[in-house]
Amino acid sequence: MAERMADAVVKRLLVKKLVETKDEAAARGAVRKVLMENLQAEERLDAEARQILMEHTREIRDAAVDYARLLAMLKGKLARERGFIL
């Protein structure tokens, strides 16, 4: 997925003449690396949010709170605390 995204990003940047590069493959590689790091950070954030919710399963169940909404809110809070943009 990161490979296709990197290809698309670099292609659009080049077509719109927002960047110039002598080595398109290296540019795609750099963009892919950044995308992979971002996706991995988001996966870690998601895992941490799920772990926190698992630790509070009983309270969540007793309060009849929507798990998906609570997960999204917690991920957003963790992301803001870490300066991570989702």
Protein backbone atom coordinates (compact mmCIF):
# COMPACT_ATOMS: atom_id res chain seq x y z
CA MET A 1 0.00 0.00 0.00
CA ALA A 2 2.80 2.44 0.87
CA GLU A 3 4.45 1.68 -2.47
CA ARG A 4 1.34 2.65 -4.45
CA MET A 5 0.79 5.73 -2.30
CA ALA A 6 4.41 6.84 -2.77
CA ASP A 7 4.14 6.35 -6.53
CA ALA A 8 0.96 8.43 -6.65
CA VAL A 9 2.36 11.22 -4.46
CA VAL A 10 5.59 11.55 -6.42
CA LYS A 11 3.76 11.40 -9.73
CA ARG A 12 1.36 14.19 -8.71
CA LEU A 13 4.15 16.35 -7.34
CA LEU A 14 6.11 15.98 -10.57
CA VAL A 15 3.11 16.54 -12.85
CA LYS A 16 2.13 19.69 -10.97
CA LYS A 17 5.78 20.76 -11.02
CA LEU A 18 5.82 21.20 -7.25
CA VAL A 19 9.14 19.36 -7.02
CA GLU A 20 12.00 18.51 -9.30
CA THR A 21 14.14 15.43 -8.99
CA LYS A 22 16.98 13.83 -10.86
CA ASP A 23 16.21 10.43 -9.37
CA GLU A 24 12.51 9.64 -9.35
CA ALA A 25 13.09 6.20 -7.84
CA ALA A 26 14.96 7.72 -4.89
CA ALA A 27 12.14 10.24 -4.40
CA ARG A 28 9.58 7.42 -4.36
CA GLY A 29 11.76 5.53 -1.89
CA ALA A 30 11.99 8.53 0.44
CA VAL A 31 8.23 9.12 0.32
CA ARG A 32 7.58 5.40 0.85
CA LYS A 33 9.85 5.41 3.92
CA VAL A 34 7.99 8.35 5.46
CA LEU A 35 4.63 6.74 4.71
CA MET A 36 5.73 3.43 6.24
CA GLU A 37 6.95 5.16 9.38
CA ASN A 38 3.65 7.02 9.64
CA LEU A 39 1.56 3.89 9.09
CA GLN A 40 3.59 1.98 11.67
CA ALA A 41 3.22 4.80 14.19
CA GLU A 42 -0.53 4.79 13.63
CA GLU A 43 -0.62 1.01 14.14
CA ARG A 44 1.26 1.38 17.43
CA LEU A 45 -1.13 4.14 18.49
CA ASP A 46 -4.11 1.94 17.64
CA ALA A 47 -2.65 -1.00 19.58
CA GLU A 48 -2.00 1.20 22.61
CA ALA A 49 -5.54 2.58 22.52
CA ARG A 50 -6.98 -0.94 22.28
CA GLN A 51 -4.81 -2.07 25.20
CA ILE A 52 -6.00 0.83 27.34
CA LEU A 53 -9.62 -0.01 26.53
CA MET A 54 -9.01 -3.68 27.31
CA GLU A 55 -7.79 -2.66 30.75
CA HIS A 56 -11.14 -0.92 31.30
CA THR A 57 -13.46 -3.48 29.71
CA ARG A 58 -15.65 -3.85 32.77
CA GLU A 59 -16.24 -0.10 33.15
CA ILE A 60 -16.98 0.23 29.44
CA ARG A 61 -19.45 -2.64 29.53
CA ASP A 62 -21.16 -1.33 32.68
CA ALA A 63 -21.47 2.16 31.22
CA ALA A 64 -22.91 0.84 27.93
CA VAL A 65 -20.53 3.03 25.94
CA ASP A 66 -20.03 2.49 22.20
CA TYR A 67 -16.62 0.79 21.93
CA ALA A 68 -15.87 2.06 18.42
CA ARG A 69 -16.60 5.67 19.38
CA LEU A 70 -14.56 5.36 22.55
CA LEU A 71 -11.65 3.86 20.58
CA ALA A 72 -11.76 6.72 18.07
CA MET A 73 -11.84 9.31 20.85
CA LEU A 74 -8.94 7.68 22.70
CA LYS A 75 -6.85 7.39 19.52
CA GLY A 76 -7.50 11.07 18.83
CA LYS A 77 -6.46 12.03 22.35
CA LEU A 78 -3.27 9.96 22.22
CA ALA A 79 -2.44 11.37 18.79
CA ARG A 80 -2.87 14.96 19.98
CA GLU A 81 -0.70 14.31 23.04
CA ARG A 82 2.07 12.98 20.82
CA GLY A 83 1.73 15.54 18.05
CA PHE A 84 0.65 12.84 15.61
CA ILE A 85 -1.80 13.76 12.86
CA LEU A 86 -4.26 11.02 11.98
